[in-house]
Amino acid sequence: MSAPVPRPGGGAPSRPAAADRTAVVVGGGLAGVTAALELADAGLAVTLVEGRPRLGGLAFSFRRGDLAVDNGQHVFLRCCTAYLGFLDRIGATGLVTLQDRLDVPVLDVAAPGGPRAARLRRAALPVPLHLAGSLASYPHLSPAERLRAARAAWALKGLDPADPALDGRDFASWLREHGQSPRAVEALWDLVGVATLNARARDVSLGLAAMVFRTGLLSDPGAADIGWATAPLGDLHDERAAAALRRAGVRVLTGTRATGVEPGPDGARQVVLADGARLPCTAAVLAVAQEQARALLPPGALDDPARLSGIGVSPIVDLHVVYGRRVMRSPFLAVLGSPVQWVFDRTASSGLTGGGQYLVLSQSAAHDLVDLPVAALRKRFLPELERILPAARSADVRDFFVTRERTATFAPAPGVGRLRPSARTRVPGLYLAGAWTDTGWPATMEGAVRSGTAAARAALADAGRPVPAEAHAVPRTRPQCPQQEERT
């Protein structure tokens, strides 16, 4: 499980800090840890400041009795090369798994005649034939809808996600223009889009939607293969990350809050801490949420700091259910015709013993759920699980609890692209990182890591220091791949 990193003054001593090679990173999430490692690898003396008593940002773990609980279900895809490189850098590749081939069970519990199961799979064929067979036999759409979906996918492949005109349009209207029925949006486009973008098609920028579908489904046959952690997230993003930072010589200050960035001596910066201490540096990276960054930025750092407040947020709610026996056989399951979106089996990673099963219902774009009391969520979703998983009807519920992330991601709404700032600010030596910055990706672990890399590389380039030729490492070790079972 997750253990706290050293408090101020603890851990391995940092390298002697020459005035021209010091950096301070504010924020210990994936973006901040990535930036700190990149800068330390380039020879800078780095201090990382994190207000929480742990690292990991919004991808963390906690204890509930004997259970190791992730705050939410996080997945990644094979195309997430930056995140895979990050896992390799911190020595955590062995703590995740990655499908050999995309294989998603999809159950429609509202199908005429009773629940109907299907699978979205890829074949060992080039794009776009890798998904053609699966789509051609997908029973949750009519033959005409499948044909129109294939045509829309081909049209989507022709879009340029970087085109500013796409940023201002919503994805739903584009889908309607390309013959997509409400059923096709529900059973295909939103099935993927809600999970990856944390918003429904009507609330998504066409530019971001094009990026997700082009990269994940239409760039490489294996791009959309799904991966997930087989250990608590704290083991990866806190323990392994903290160990990697120590090995790199980064001084880590947890439980320490930054309050601002001020001019320092000789044209340098200094990060101000809540206790009044000042950390001088030649490069400062603010790897925090957008509103926190706005509060820390000095005057003149951005042309229009108010634009950061225009970047909305979208919540995610996870419902955790512990059954007295096994009720689901697949590692995960997507659901149609129900309020339930995705169900994941987290039994092994949680340390649950005694023959039970621990399931997590991951509910994205959960604006209608985030404020509901636990009792109301239990009343609504336990009967739904019994509809989806017949074995749950006779299984006892040992525990039911809820985790909520009200600001889980930035909202990928039309127009958000023009609000997302680049890594560089107008203040020399001051940089921004975070999935909300202009990475070209939605708010994912991949986007967070890419933002940290971008900030570090900008800082190195501006300082005239060598910049690595490759932005993202290729993992040296391959994640293990489980065998999925056929039945749910």
Protein backbone atom coordinates (compact mmCIF):
# COMPACT_ATOMS: atom_id res chain seq x y z
CA MET A 1 0.00 0.00 0.00
CA SER A 2 0.90 3.65 -0.24
CA ALA A 3 3.43 5.03 2.21
CA PRO A 4 4.15 8.74 2.75
CA VAL A 5 7.26 10.16 1.15
CA PRO A 6 9.76 11.99 3.34
CA ARG A 7 8.69 15.20 5.06
CA PRO A 8 10.77 18.36 4.63
CA GLY A 9 14.36 17.59 5.38
CA GLY A 10 13.98 13.82 4.93
CA GLY A 11 15.02 11.43 2.20
CA ALA A 12 18.17 11.39 0.16
CA PRO A 13 20.01 14.70 0.05
CA SER A 14 19.67 16.62 -3.17
CA ARG A 15 22.70 17.45 -5.27
CA PRO A 16 24.50 20.68 -4.43
CA ALA A 17 22.49 23.44 -6.06
CA ALA A 18 24.40 25.71 -8.36
CA ALA A 19 22.56 28.98 -8.99
CA ASP A 20 22.06 28.22 -12.66
CA ARG A 21 20.67 24.71 -12.34
CA THR A 22 17.95 24.61 -9.73
CA ALA A 23 14.27 23.85 -10.27
CA VAL A 24 11.16 23.71 -8.10
CA VAL A 25 8.09 21.71 -9.13
CA VAL A 26 4.83 22.47 -7.33
CA GLY A 27 2.48 19.49 -7.39
CA GLY A 28 3.14 15.78 -6.89
CA GLY A 29 0.67 14.28 -9.33
CA LEU A 30 1.73 12.52 -12.50
CA ALA A 31 2.54 15.81 -14.24
CA GLY A 32 4.71 17.08 -11.39
CA VAL A 33 6.55 13.81 -10.82
CA THR A 34 7.26 13.54 -14.55
CA ALA A 35 8.59 17.10 -14.73
CA ALA A 36 10.76 16.58 -11.65
CA LEU A 37 12.28 13.37 -13.04
CA GLU A 38 12.94 14.91 -16.46
CA LEU A 39 14.67 17.91 -14.92
CA ALA A 40 16.68 15.80 -12.49
CA ASP A 41 17.75 13.47 -15.30
CA ALA A 42 19.08 16.54 -17.12
CA GLY A 43 21.31 17.41 -14.18
CA LEU A 44 19.24 20.02 -12.33
CA ALA A 45 18.87 20.06 -8.55
CA VAL A 46 15.12 19.66 -8.13
CA THR A 47 12.75 20.21 -5.22
CA LEU A 48 9.19 18.91 -5.51
CA VAL A 49 6.54 20.49 -3.27
CA GLU A 50 3.23 18.71 -2.61
CA GLY A 51 0.50 19.89 -0.25
CA ARG A 52 -0.85 16.41 0.41
CA PRO A 53 0.98 13.86 2.56
CA ARG A 54 1.44 11.65 -0.51
CA LEU A 55 2.16 11.70 -4.22
CA GLY A 56 -0.17 10.63 -7.01
CA GLY A 57 -2.58 13.53 -7.37
CA LEU A 58 -6.06 12.28 -8.32
CA ALA A 59 -4.89 8.71 -8.97
CA PHE A 60 -4.30 7.39 -5.45
CA SER A 61 -5.22 4.69 -2.94
CA PHE A 62 -6.39 4.52 0.65
CA ARG A 63 -7.23 1.86 3.24
CA ARG A 64 -10.72 0.80 4.25
CA GLY A 65 -10.17 -1.81 6.92
CA ASP A 66 -8.20 -4.60 5.27
CA LEU A 67 -9.15 -3.37 1.80
CA ALA A 68 -6.77 -1.40 -0.45
CA VAL A 69 -9.06 1.00 -2.34
CA ASP A 70 -8.29 3.13 -5.39
CA ASN A 71 -10.13 6.44 -5.35
CA GLY A 72 -11.41 5.59 -8.83
CA GLN A 73 -10.92 3.12 -11.65
CA HIS A 74 -8.15 4.31 -13.96
CA VAL A 75 -7.29 2.63 -17.26
CA PHE A 76 -4.88 3.39 -20.06
CA LEU A 77 -4.49 2.27 -23.67
CA ARG A 78 -1.54 0.89 -25.57
CA CYS A 79 -1.33 4.22 -27.42
CA CYS A 80 -0.56 5.90 -24.08
CA THR A 81 3.17 5.72 -24.75
CA ALA A 82 4.08 8.54 -22.38
CA TYR A 83 2.32 6.91 -19.42
CA LEU A 84 3.85 3.53 -20.25
CA GLY A 85 7.24 5.23 -20.39
CA PHE A 86 6.54 6.84 -17.02
CA LEU A 87 5.72 3.46 -15.49
CA ASP A 88 8.97 2.09 -16.86
CA ARG A 89 10.90 5.07 -15.49
CA ILE A 90 9.56 4.53 -11.95
CA GLY A 91 9.91 0.75 -12.09
CA ALA A 92 6.17 0.01 -12.04
CA THR A 93 5.63 -1.81 -15.35
CA GLY A 94 5.18 -5.07 -13.46
CA LEU A 95 2.25 -3.60 -11.53
CA VAL A 96 0.00 -3.18 -14.57
CA THR A 97 -1.54 -5.44 -17.18
CA LEU A 98 -2.27 -4.81 -20.85
CA GLN A 99 -4.54 -6.78 -23.16
CA ASP A 100 -2.94 -8.72 -26.00
CA ARG A 101 -5.83 -7.49 -28.14
CA LEU A 102 -8.74 -5.14 -27.51
CA ASP A 103 -11.65 -7.15 -26.11
CA VAL A 104 -14.58 -5.40 -24.45
CA PRO A 105 -17.67 -7.30 -23.26
CA VAL A 106 -20.78 -5.13 -23.81
CA LEU A 107 -24.08 -6.20 -22.22
CA ASP A 108 -27.39 -4.58 -23.16
CA VAL A 109 -29.75 -5.34 -20.28
CA ALA A 110 -32.66 -3.57 -21.99
CA ALA A 111 -32.52 -5.52 -25.26
CA PRO A 112 -35.83 -6.88 -26.58
CA GLY A 113 -36.19 -10.45 -25.41
CA GLY A 114 -33.84 -10.02 -22.47
CA PRO A 115 -30.20 -9.07 -21.83
CA ARG A 116 -27.94 -9.53 -24.81
CA ALA A 117 -24.16 -9.84 -24.68
CA ALA A 118 -21.64 -8.85 -27.32
CA ARG A 119 -17.95 -8.11 -27.59
CA LEU A 120 -15.99 -5.38 -29.31
CA ARG A 121 -12.75 -7.03 -30.40
CA ARG A 122 -9.96 -6.32 -32.78
CA ALA A 123 -8.45 -8.76 -35.22
CA ALA A 124 -4.81 -9.13 -36.29
CA LEU A 125 -5.43 -7.00 -39.37
CA PRO A 126 -4.36 -3.51 -40.43
CA VAL A 127 -6.46 -0.40 -39.76
CA PRO A 128 -9.42 -0.17 -40.36
CA LEU A 129 -9.97 -3.89 -40.99
CA HIS A 130 -8.91 -4.69 -37.42
CA LEU A 131 -12.36 -3.63 -36.17
CA ALA A 132 -14.44 -4.34 -39.27
CA GLY A 133 -15.46 -7.86 -38.30
CA SER A 134 -16.43 -6.89 -34.78
CA LEU A 135 -18.49 -3.93 -35.95
CA ALA A 136 -20.15 -5.95 -38.72
CA SER A 137 -21.51 -8.43 -36.17
CA TYR A 138 -22.20 -5.99 -33.32
CA PRO A 139 -25.76 -6.90 -32.30
CA HIS A 140 -26.47 -3.70 -30.39
CA LEU A 141 -26.81 -1.82 -33.69
CA SER A 142 -28.91 -2.60 -36.74
CA PRO A 143 -27.12 -3.53 -39.99
CA ALA A 144 -27.84 -0.05 -41.35
CA GLU A 145 -26.50 1.60 -38.21
CA ARG A 146 -23.32 -0.48 -38.41
CA LEU A 147 -22.73 0.60 -41.99
CA ARG A 148 -23.31 4.27 -41.17
CA ALA A 149 -21.00 3.94 -38.14
CA ALA A 150 -18.22 2.61 -40.35
CA ARG A 151 -18.68 5.51 -42.75
CA ALA A 152 -18.61 8.02 -39.87
CA ALA A 153 -15.42 6.46 -38.50
CA TRP A 154 -13.76 6.82 -41.90
CA ALA A 155 -14.87 10.46 -42.08
CA LEU A 156 -13.51 11.02 -38.56
CA LYS A 157 -10.13 9.68 -39.66
CA GLY A 158 -9.97 12.50 -42.19
CA LEU A 159 -10.32 15.26 -39.59
CA ASP A 160 -7.36 17.17 -38.17
CA PRO A 161 -7.78 17.39 -34.36
CA ALA A 162 -5.51 20.46 -34.33
CA ASP A 163 -7.85 22.41 -36.62
CA PRO A 164 -9.16 25.33 -34.49
CA ALA A 165 -12.50 25.15 -36.29
CA LEU A 166 -13.13 21.71 -34.79
CA ASP A 167 -12.61 22.99 -31.26
CA GLY A 168 -15.73 25.15 -31.39
CA ARG A 169 -18.06 22.40 -32.62
CA ASP A 170 -19.72 19.71 -30.53
CA PHE A 171 -19.27 16.06 -31.41
CA ALA A 172 -22.98 15.17 -31.25
CA SER A 173 -23.96 17.54 -34.04
CA TRP A 174 -21.17 16.17 -36.24
CA LEU A 175 -22.40 12.63 -35.57
CA ARG A 176 -25.96 13.60 -36.54
CA GLU A 177 -24.67 15.14 -39.76
CA HIS A 178 -22.99 11.82 -40.50
CA GLY A 179 -26.10 9.73 -40.07
CA GLN A 180 -25.61 8.52 -36.50
CA SER A 181 -28.84 7.63 -34.73
CA PRO A 182 -29.38 8.22 -31.00
CA ARG A 183 -28.96 4.47 -30.55
CA ALA A 184 -25.62 4.48 -32.36
CA VAL A 185 -24.41 7.35 -30.18
CA GLU A 186 -25.44 5.48 -27.02
CA ALA A 187 -24.22 2.00 -27.99
CA LEU A 188 -20.97 2.94 -29.71
CA TRP A 189 -19.74 6.53 -29.68
CA ASP A 190 -20.66 7.40 -26.09
CA LEU A 191 -19.72 3.91 -24.93
CA VAL A 192 -16.13 4.84 -25.76
CA GLY A 193 -16.32 8.63 -25.46
CA VAL A 194 -17.83 8.92 -21.99
CA ALA A 195 -15.14 6.67 -20.54
CA THR A 196 -12.24 8.45 -22.26
CA LEU A 197 -13.48 12.06 -22.33
CA ASN A 198 -15.66 12.12 -19.17
CA ALA A 199 -18.48 13.76 -21.13
CA ARG A 200 -21.22 12.81 -23.55
CA ALA A 201 -20.98 13.63 -27.25
CA ARG A 202 -23.18 16.72 -26.92
CA ASP A 203 -20.72 18.18 -24.41
CA VAL A 204 -17.48 17.30 -26.22
CA SER A 205 -15.35 19.38 -28.54
CA LEU A 206 -15.18 17.80 -31.98
CA GLY A 207 -11.42 18.39 -31.95
CA LEU A 208 -10.91 16.31 -28.80
CA ALA A 209 -13.32 13.63 -29.99
CA ALA A 210 -11.44 13.37 -33.28
CA MET A 211 -8.17 13.06 -31.37
CA VAL A 212 -9.50 10.25 -29.16
CA PHE A 213 -11.09 8.16 -31.89
CA ARG A 214 -8.35 8.73 -34.47
CA THR A 215 -5.56 7.91 -32.01
CA GLY A 216 -7.26 5.11 -30.10
CA LEU A 217 -9.13 3.30 -32.86
CA LEU A 218 -7.78 4.43 -36.21
CA SER A 219 -4.02 4.97 -35.83
CA ASP A 220 -2.64 1.50 -35.14
CA PRO A 221 -4.35 -1.88 -34.74
CA GLY A 222 -3.22 -2.24 -31.12
CA ALA A 223 -3.68 1.38 -30.05
CA ALA A 224 -6.91 0.76 -28.10
CA ASP A 225 -5.80 -2.35 -26.21
CA ILE A 226 -6.78 -1.67 -22.60
CA GLY A 227 -4.48 -1.67 -19.59
CA TRP A 228 -5.03 -1.22 -15.87
CA ALA A 229 -3.20 -1.46 -12.57
CA THR A 230 -3.02 -4.86 -10.89
CA ALA A 231 -1.82 -3.28 -7.64
CA PRO A 232 -3.24 -0.33 -5.68
CA LEU A 233 -2.57 2.96 -7.48
CA GLY A 234 -0.65 4.18 -4.45
CA ASP A 235 1.91 1.44 -5.03
CA LEU A 236 2.56 2.94 -8.47
CA HIS A 237 2.04 6.68 -8.24
CA ASP A 238 3.18 7.19 -4.65
CA GLU A 239 5.59 4.46 -3.49
CA ARG A 240 7.33 3.68 -6.79
CA ALA A 241 7.26 7.33 -7.85
CA ALA A 242 8.75 8.46 -4.53
CA ALA A 243 11.50 5.85 -4.79
CA ALA A 244 12.33 6.98 -8.35
CA LEU A 245 12.49 10.60 -7.21
CA ARG A 246 14.84 9.69 -4.38
CA ARG A 247 17.10 7.76 -6.74
CA ALA A 248 17.18 10.78 -9.05
CA GLY A 249 18.23 13.04 -6.16
CA VAL A 250 14.97 15.02 -6.05
CA ARG A 251 14.19 16.62 -2.71
CA VAL A 252 10.51 15.84 -1.99
CA LEU A 253 8.52 17.99 0.44
CA THR A 254 5.10 16.51 1.13
CA GLY A 255 2.58 18.16 3.42
CA THR A 256 4.01 21.47 2.21
CA ARG A 257 1.87 24.10 0.50
CA ALA A 258 3.11 26.69 -1.97
CA THR A 259 1.41 30.09 -1.93
CA GLY A 260 3.00 31.92 -4.84
CA VAL A 261 5.91 32.58 -7.17
CA GLU A 262 7.93 35.78 -6.84
CA PRO A 263 10.96 37.35 -8.52
CA GLY A 264 14.20 36.21 -6.96
CA PRO A 265 17.74 37.55 -6.95
CA ASP A 266 19.69 37.83 -10.19
CA GLY A 267 16.62 37.37 -12.37
CA ALA A 268 15.72 33.99 -10.89
CA ARG A 269 12.38 32.85 -9.42
CA GLN A 270 11.46 31.85 -5.91
CA VAL A 271 8.56 29.70 -4.83
CA VAL A 272 6.95 30.95 -1.62
CA LEU A 273 5.74 28.37 0.91
CA ALA A 274 2.90 28.73 3.41
CA ASP A 275 5.31 29.01 6.32
CA GLY A 276 7.05 31.96 4.65
CA ALA A 277 10.06 30.04 3.42
CA ARG A 278 11.30 30.75 -0.09
CA LEU A 279 12.80 28.29 -2.53
CA PRO A 280 15.01 30.08 -5.10
CA CYS A 281 15.21 28.49 -8.52
CA THR A 282 15.95 29.23 -12.14
CA ALA A 283 12.97 27.15 -13.30
CA ALA A 284 9.63 26.73 -11.56
CA VAL A 285 6.91 24.35 -12.79
CA LEU A 286 3.34 24.71 -11.51
CA ALA A 287 1.87 21.22 -11.91
CA VAL A 288 -1.43 21.80 -10.13
CA ALA A 289 -5.08 22.19 -11.10
CA GLN A 290 -6.02 25.21 -13.18
CA GLU A 291 -7.59 27.24 -10.38
CA GLN A 292 -4.62 26.54 -8.10
CA ALA A 293 -2.25 27.57 -10.87
CA ARG A 294 -4.14 30.82 -11.39
CA ALA A 295 -3.82 31.63 -7.67
CA LEU A 296 -0.07 30.97 -7.72
CA LEU A 297 0.79 32.80 -10.94
CA PRO A 298 2.43 36.21 -10.59
CA PRO A 299 0.91 39.19 -12.47
CA GLY A 300 1.63 39.17 -16.18
CA ALA A 301 2.35 35.44 -16.40
CA LEU A 302 -0.55 34.91 -18.83
CA ASP A 303 -2.19 37.27 -21.29
CA ASP A 304 -5.59 36.56 -19.74
CA PRO A 305 -5.44 34.53 -16.51
CA ALA A 306 -9.25 34.62 -16.28
CA ARG A 307 -9.36 32.17 -19.17
CA LEU A 308 -8.20 29.45 -16.78
CA SER A 309 -11.47 29.84 -14.88
CA GLY A 310 -13.30 29.17 -18.14
CA ILE A 311 -11.94 25.62 -18.20
CA GLY A 312 -14.76 23.70 -16.56
CA VAL A 313 -14.57 20.46 -14.62
CA SER A 314 -16.40 17.17 -14.87
CA PRO A 315 -16.99 14.74 -11.97
CA ILE A 316 -16.53 11.00 -11.69
CA VAL A 317 -18.30 8.85 -9.09
CA ASP A 318 -17.16 5.32 -8.27
CA LEU A 319 -19.43 2.88 -6.46
CA HIS A 320 -17.62 0.15 -4.55
CA VAL A 321 -19.43 -3.12 -3.82
CA VAL A 322 -18.03 -6.11 -1.94
CA TYR A 323 -19.96 -9.34 -2.41
CA GLY A 324 -19.68 -12.46 -0.31
CA ARG A 325 -18.92 -14.57 -3.37
CA ARG A 326 -17.92 -14.23 -6.98
CA VAL A 327 -20.63 -12.73 -9.21
CA MET A 328 -18.70 -11.61 -12.35
CA ARG A 329 -16.11 -13.51 -14.38
CA SER A 330 -14.70 -10.88 -16.75
CA PRO A 331 -12.10 -8.31 -15.61
CA PHE A 332 -14.51 -5.60 -16.72
CA LEU A 333 -17.85 -5.12 -18.43
CA ALA A 334 -19.50 -2.25 -20.33
CA VAL A 335 -23.25 -1.90 -19.91
CA LEU A 336 -26.07 -0.49 -22.05
CA GLY A 337 -29.70 0.08 -21.08
CA SER A 338 -28.81 0.85 -17.47
CA PRO A 339 -27.50 3.72 -15.35
CA VAL A 340 -24.42 1.53 -14.87
CA GLN A 341 -21.65 2.39 -17.32
CA TRP A 342 -18.65 0.15 -16.61
CA VAL A 343 -18.02 -2.53 -13.96
CA PHE A 344 -14.49 -3.58 -12.96
CA ASP A 345 -13.28 -6.48 -10.84
CA ARG A 346 -10.75 -5.14 -8.31
CA THR A 347 -10.67 -8.20 -6.03
CA ALA A 348 -7.03 -9.19 -6.50
CA SER A 349 -5.51 -5.70 -6.29
CA SER A 350 -7.50 -4.84 -3.16
CA GLY A 351 -6.20 -7.76 -1.14
CA LEU A 352 -9.71 -9.08 -0.49
CA THR A 353 -9.71 -12.58 0.95
CA GLY A 354 -12.35 -15.06 2.02
CA GLY A 355 -13.85 -15.92 -1.36
CA GLY A 356 -15.70 -12.67 -1.96
CA GLN A 357 -15.52 -10.30 -4.91
CA TYR A 358 -14.91 -6.56 -4.98
CA LEU A 359 -16.48 -4.68 -7.89
CA VAL A 360 -16.21 -1.02 -8.83
CA LEU A 361 -18.83 0.76 -10.91
CA SER A 362 -17.11 3.66 -12.67
CA GLN A 363 -19.59 6.42 -13.51
CA SER A 364 -18.16 9.18 -15.70
CA ALA A 365 -19.77 12.56 -16.43
CA ALA A 366 -21.57 11.97 -13.13
CA HIS A 367 -23.13 15.39 -12.64
CA ASP A 368 -26.44 13.81 -11.61
CA LEU A 369 -24.80 11.47 -9.07
CA VAL A 370 -22.05 13.42 -7.39
CA ASP A 371 -24.27 14.99 -4.70
CA LEU A 372 -26.53 12.01 -3.99
CA PRO A 373 -26.19 10.38 -0.55
CA VAL A 374 -24.75 6.88 -0.29
CA ALA A 375 -28.14 5.41 0.65
CA ALA A 376 -29.73 6.77 -2.53
CA LEU A 377 -26.91 5.44 -4.69
CA ARG A 378 -27.13 2.04 -3.04
CA LYS A 379 -30.89 1.91 -3.63
CA ARG A 380 -30.46 2.81 -7.29
CA PHE A 381 -27.44 0.73 -8.27
CA LEU A 382 -27.61 -2.54 -6.34
CA PRO A 383 -30.80 -3.60 -8.17
CA GLU A 384 -29.11 -2.64 -11.44
CA LEU A 385 -26.20 -4.93 -10.63
CA GLU A 386 -28.68 -7.75 -10.04
CA ARG A 387 -30.13 -7.10 -13.51
CA ILE A 388 -26.65 -7.16 -15.03
CA LEU A 389 -25.15 -10.02 -13.01
CA PRO A 390 -27.71 -12.72 -12.16
CA ALA A 391 -25.32 -14.26 -9.61
CA ALA A 392 -25.54 -11.06 -7.57
CA ARG A 393 -29.19 -11.72 -6.79
CA SER A 394 -28.32 -14.44 -4.30
CA ALA A 395 -25.03 -12.97 -3.04
CA ASP A 396 -24.76 -11.05 0.20
CA VAL A 397 -23.43 -7.48 0.06
CA ARG A 398 -20.65 -7.15 2.60
CA ASP A 399 -19.90 -3.50 1.93
CA PHE A 400 -21.04 -0.61 -0.24
CA PHE A 401 -19.30 2.75 -0.32
CA VAL A 402 -18.72 5.65 -2.67
CA THR A 403 -15.77 7.76 -3.78
CA ARG A 404 -16.38 11.08 -5.54
CA GLU A 405 -14.01 13.27 -7.50
CA ARG A 406 -15.92 16.50 -8.18
CA THR A 407 -13.09 17.93 -10.25
CA ALA A 408 -11.87 14.63 -11.71
CA THR A 409 -11.05 16.08 -15.14
CA PHE A 410 -11.33 19.29 -17.06
CA ALA A 411 -14.52 19.44 -19.11
CA PRO A 412 -13.77 18.74 -22.81
CA ALA A 413 -16.48 21.18 -23.90
CA PRO A 414 -16.55 22.92 -27.29
CA GLY A 415 -14.16 25.88 -27.16
CA VAL A 416 -11.94 24.48 -24.41
CA GLY A 417 -8.98 24.22 -26.75
CA ARG A 418 -8.53 28.00 -27.00
CA LEU A 419 -8.52 28.22 -23.18
CA ARG A 420 -5.78 25.66 -22.53
CA PRO A 421 -2.39 27.36 -22.07
CA SER A 422 0.93 26.06 -23.31
CA ALA A 423 3.73 25.01 -20.98
CA ARG A 424 5.52 28.36 -21.27
CA THR A 425 4.24 31.49 -19.51
CA ARG A 426 5.26 35.10 -20.16
CA VAL A 427 7.48 35.02 -17.08
CA PRO A 428 10.94 33.64 -17.93
CA GLY A 429 11.65 30.45 -16.02
CA LEU A 430 8.00 29.79 -15.08
CA TYR A 431 6.11 26.88 -16.65
CA LEU A 432 2.74 25.14 -16.40
CA ALA A 433 1.96 21.42 -16.35
CA GLY A 434 -1.20 19.42 -15.86
CA ALA A 435 -3.60 17.48 -18.06
CA TRP A 436 -5.59 20.71 -18.52
CA THR A 437 -2.73 22.42 -20.36
CA ASP A 438 -2.46 22.30 -24.14
CA THR A 439 -1.27 18.74 -24.66
CA GLY A 440 -3.72 17.91 -27.45
CA TRP A 441 -5.01 15.07 -25.25
CA PRO A 442 -8.09 14.94 -23.02
CA ALA A 443 -7.74 14.76 -19.24
CA THR A 444 -6.04 11.38 -18.91
CA MET A 445 -2.99 9.99 -17.16
CA GLU A 446 -1.34 10.12 -20.57
CA GLY A 447 -2.12 13.83 -20.91
CA ALA A 448 -0.76 14.52 -17.42
CA VAL A 449 2.55 12.79 -18.15
CA ARG A 450 2.89 14.52 -21.51
CA SER A 451 2.32 17.89 -19.87
CA GLY A 452 5.09 17.27 -17.34
CA THR A 453 7.45 16.30 -20.13
CA ALA A 454 6.51 19.40 -22.14
CA ALA A 455 7.14 21.72 -19.19
CA ALA A 456 10.50 20.15 -18.38
CA ARG A 457 11.65 20.20 -21.99
CA ALA A 458 10.61 23.85 -22.37
CA ALA A 459 12.58 24.73 -19.23
CA LEU A 460 15.66 22.89 -20.47
CA ALA A 461 15.47 24.46 -23.91
CA ASP A 462 15.05 27.97 -22.51
CA ALA A 463 18.05 27.43 -20.25
CA GLY A 464 20.16 26.31 -23.19
CA ARG A 465 20.56 22.84 -21.74
CA PRO A 466 20.44 19.63 -23.80
CA VAL A 467 16.93 18.34 -24.42
CA PRO A 468 16.41 14.57 -24.79
CA ALA A 469 15.82 13.52 -28.37
CA GLU A 470 12.87 11.32 -27.39
CA ALA A 471 10.05 12.86 -25.36
CA HIS A 472 8.67 9.53 -24.18
CA ALA A 473 10.57 6.41 -23.30
CA VAL A 474 9.69 3.03 -24.74
CA PRO A 475 9.11 0.57 -21.87
CA ARG A 476 11.89 -1.94 -21.46
CA THR A 477 9.58 -4.51 -19.89
CA ARG A 478 6.17 -5.52 -21.17
CA PRO A 479 3.09 -5.52 -18.93
CA GLN A 480 1.59 -8.93 -18.31
CA CYS A 481 -1.63 -9.78 -20.16
CA PRO A 482 -4.46 -11.75 -18.54
CA GLN A 483 -6.67 -14.23 -20.31
CA GLN A 484 -10.21 -12.89 -20.39
CA GLU A 485 -13.04 -15.30 -19.80
CA GLU A 486 -15.91 -15.58 -22.22
CA ARG A 487 -18.78 -15.35 -19.79
CA THR A 488 -19.83 -12.43 -17.62
